[in-house]
Every structure is written in structure tokens, then in C-alpha cells.
Amino acid sequence: MGTILSGSGVGGLVIAPVLRVLIDRYGVQWALRILGIWNFTVGVPVCLVARHRYKRGTATRNGKTRLNMNLAKRGTFLYQVSWSIILTAPVS
């Protein structure tokens, strides 16, 4: 969770000035195109390298889910999840 939250924080910190420079130099349309191309060029290799842990259709084993529900019901887990949602949710 810490890695995910720090990544979203650093991404938000970096993308704002980069987007401002792109808009100033190229305009809104080209700035968004450049960001789209960047996301595509970074996302495709990541998708190709990422491994699947389980084969499709094997979410359960012997009728039991792979998610430990006792862990998911713990207060610390619920606290972390709720704060993650609050911290990463967009503010309108």
C-alpha cells in the first residue's frame, strides 16, 4: 500500500509541472496526445512483462477463495483501505 500511495503522490507531483510545460509549448490537444503516447509506451512493456499469478478461471481452489476474509475484516486493514480511498480520490 505504501508503494502504491507514494507512486500516486509522486506521479501527481511530477505530472502537474510537466503538463503545464507541455500545454504552454504545444497547446492542450498536443499535450494530451503526448501524455497518451507516453502512457501507451510505458504501459505496453509493463503489461508484457507482468506475470499472471493464477490462470483464468482458477479464482477458487476446492471451493475456497484465495482471499483470507479474516484478514480483510481486521480493523487495521479496513483503516488502511479507507485512508487509501480518501487519499487517492479526486477532489472536485
C-alpha atoms as a PDB file:
ATOM      1  CA  MET A   1       0.000   0.000   0.000  1.00  0.00           C
ATOM      2  CA  GLY A   2       2.858   2.363   0.790  1.00  0.00           C
ATOM      3  CA  THR A   3       4.438   1.877  -2.620  1.00  0.00           C
ATOM      4  CA  ILE A   4       1.139   2.452  -4.386  1.00  0.00           C
ATOM      5  CA  LEU A   5       0.350   5.585  -2.408  1.00  0.00           C
ATOM      6  CA  SER A   6       3.845   7.016  -2.767  1.00  0.00           C
ATOM      7  CA  GLY A   7       3.715   6.338  -6.511  1.00  0.00           C
ATOM      8  CA  SER A   8       0.440   8.169  -6.874  1.00  0.00           C
ATOM      9  CA  GLY A   9       1.780  11.055  -4.809  1.00  0.00           C
ATOM     10  CA  VAL A  10       4.998  11.360  -6.802  1.00  0.00           C
ATOM     11  CA  GLY A  11       3.068  10.999 -10.052  1.00  0.00           C
ATOM     12  CA  GLY A  12       0.756  13.840  -9.084  1.00  0.00           C
ATOM     13  CA  LEU A  13       3.707  15.952  -8.031  1.00  0.00           C
ATOM     14  CA  VAL A  14       5.582  15.386 -11.300  1.00  0.00           C
ATOM     15  CA  ILE A  15       2.735  15.386 -13.817  1.00  0.00           C
ATOM     16  CA  ALA A  16       1.427  18.885 -12.949  1.00  0.00           C
ATOM     17  CA  PRO A  17       4.582  20.828 -13.946  1.00  0.00           C
ATOM     18  CA  VAL A  18       5.193  18.564 -16.932  1.00  0.00           C
ATOM     19  CA  LEU A  19       1.647  19.098 -18.155  1.00  0.00           C
ATOM     20  CA  ARG A  20       1.965  22.871 -17.663  1.00  0.00           C
ATOM     21  CA  VAL A  21       5.129  22.946 -19.825  1.00  0.00           C
ATOM     22  CA  LEU A  22       3.502  20.771 -22.493  1.00  0.00           C
ATOM     23  CA  ILE A  23       0.408  22.973 -22.623  1.00  0.00           C
ATOM     24  CA  ASP A  24       2.488  26.145 -22.837  1.00  0.00           C
ATOM     25  CA  ARG A  25       4.661  24.793 -25.650  1.00  0.00           C
ATOM     26  CA  TYR A  26       2.270  22.661 -27.694  1.00  0.00           C
ATOM     27  CA  GLY A  27      -1.292  23.513 -26.663  1.00  0.00           C
ATOM     28  CA  VAL A  28      -3.899  21.410 -24.899  1.00  0.00           C
ATOM     29  CA  GLN A  29      -4.600  18.980 -27.746  1.00  0.00           C
ATOM     30  CA  TRP A  30      -0.967  18.059 -28.329  1.00  0.00           C
ATOM     31  CA  ALA A  31      -0.206  17.961 -24.606  1.00  0.00           C
ATOM     32  CA  LEU A  32      -2.916  15.340 -24.131  1.00  0.00           C
ATOM     33  CA  ARG A  33      -1.696  13.417 -27.177  1.00  0.00           C
ATOM     34  CA  ILE A  34       1.854  13.416 -25.820  1.00  0.00           C
ATOM     35  CA  LEU A  35       0.640  12.156 -22.429  1.00  0.00           C
ATOM     36  CA  GLY A  36      -1.413   9.456 -24.143  1.00  0.00           C
ATOM     37  CA  ILE A  37       1.575   8.317 -26.194  1.00  0.00           C
ATOM     38  CA  TRP A  38       3.749   8.346 -23.082  1.00  0.00           C
ATOM     39  CA  ASN A  39       1.235   6.218 -21.138  1.00  0.00           C
ATOM     40  CA  PHE A  40       0.994   3.800 -24.049  1.00  0.00           C
ATOM     41  CA  THR A  41       4.774   3.438 -24.433  1.00  0.00           C
ATOM     42  CA  VAL A  42       5.210   2.858 -20.698  1.00  0.00           C
ATOM     43  CA  GLY A  43       2.100   0.716 -20.216  1.00  0.00           C
ATOM     44  CA  VAL A  44       2.594  -1.794 -23.035  1.00  0.00           C
ATOM     45  CA  PRO A  45       6.029  -3.053 -21.890  1.00  0.00           C
ATOM     46  CA  VAL A  46       4.781  -3.258 -18.301  1.00  0.00           C
ATOM     47  CA  CYS A  47       1.797  -5.352 -19.437  1.00  0.00           C
ATOM     48  CA  LEU A  48       4.062  -7.628 -21.440  1.00  0.00           C
ATOM     49  CA  VAL A  49       6.437  -8.195 -18.523  1.00  0.00           C
ATOM     50  CA  ALA A  50       3.848  -8.562 -15.749  1.00  0.00           C
ATOM     51  CA  ARG A  51       3.135 -12.155 -14.863  1.00  0.00           C
ATOM     52  CA  HIS A  52      -0.251 -13.582 -14.047  1.00  0.00           C
ATOM     53  CA  ARG A  53      -0.285 -15.387 -10.740  1.00  0.00           C
ATOM     54  CA  TYR A  54      -3.252 -17.597 -11.491  1.00  0.00           C
ATOM     55  CA  LYS A  55      -4.747 -18.976 -14.633  1.00  0.00           C
ATOM     56  CA  ARG A  56      -8.083 -17.639 -15.724  1.00  0.00           C
ATOM     57  CA  GLY A  57     -10.986 -19.397 -14.056  1.00  0.00           C
ATOM     58  CA  THR A  58      -8.983 -20.560 -11.009  1.00  0.00           C
ATOM     59  CA  ALA A  59     -10.124 -17.948  -8.507  1.00  0.00           C
ATOM     60  CA  THR A  60     -11.131 -20.726  -6.134  1.00  0.00           C
ATOM     61  CA  ARG A  61      -9.420 -23.890  -5.075  1.00  0.00           C
ATOM     62  CA  ASN A  62     -11.532 -26.696  -3.647  1.00  0.00           C
ATOM     63  CA  GLY A  63     -14.430 -24.281  -3.207  1.00  0.00           C
ATOM     64  CA  LYS A  64     -12.413 -21.882  -1.041  1.00  0.00           C
ATOM     65  CA  THR A  65     -11.498 -18.386  -2.126  1.00  0.00           C
ATOM     66  CA  ARG A  66      -7.882 -17.301  -2.139  1.00  0.00           C
ATOM     67  CA  LEU A  67      -8.785 -14.191  -0.149  1.00  0.00           C
ATOM     68  CA  ASN A  68      -8.397 -14.535   3.592  1.00  0.00           C
ATOM     69  CA  MET A  69     -11.609 -12.979   4.856  1.00  0.00           C
ATOM     70  CA  ASN A  70     -10.342 -12.908   8.444  1.00  0.00           C
ATOM     71  CA  LEU A  71      -7.582 -10.563   7.327  1.00  0.00           C
ATOM     72  CA  ALA A  72      -9.998  -8.421   5.330  1.00  0.00           C
ATOM     73  CA  LYS A  73     -12.250  -7.975   8.383  1.00  0.00           C
ATOM     74  CA  ARG A  74      -9.474  -6.708  10.657  1.00  0.00           C
ATOM     75  CA  GLY A  75      -9.683  -3.096  11.761  1.00  0.00           C
ATOM     76  CA  THR A  76      -6.183  -2.224  10.570  1.00  0.00           C
ATOM     77  CA  PHE A  77      -6.938  -3.462   7.061  1.00  0.00           C
ATOM     78  CA  LEU A  78     -10.206  -1.541   6.885  1.00  0.00           C
ATOM     79  CA  TYR A  79      -8.468   1.561   8.240  1.00  0.00           C
ATOM     80  CA  GLN A  80      -5.742   1.363   5.585  1.00  0.00           C
ATOM     81  CA  VAL A  81      -8.219   0.780   2.787  1.00  0.00           C
ATOM     82  CA  SER A  82     -10.435   3.666   3.851  1.00  0.00           C
ATOM     83  CA  TRP A  83      -7.471   6.061   4.074  1.00  0.00           C
ATOM     84  CA  SER A  84      -6.182   4.868   0.709  1.00  0.00           C
ATOM     85  CA  ILE A  85      -9.525   5.659  -0.866  1.00  0.00           C
ATOM     86  CA  ILE A  86      -9.675   9.080   0.781  1.00  0.00           C
ATOM     87  CA  LEU A  87      -6.093   9.997  -0.139  1.00  0.00           C
ATOM     88  CA  THR A  88      -6.253   8.890  -3.753  1.00  0.00           C
ATOM     89  CA  ALA A  89      -9.801  10.023  -4.506  1.00  0.00           C
ATOM     90  CA  PRO A  90     -10.038  13.052  -6.774  1.00  0.00           C
ATOM     91  CA  VAL A  91     -11.230  16.261  -5.199  1.00  0.00           C
ATOM     92  CA  SER A  92     -13.874  18.091  -7.166  1.00  0.00           C
END
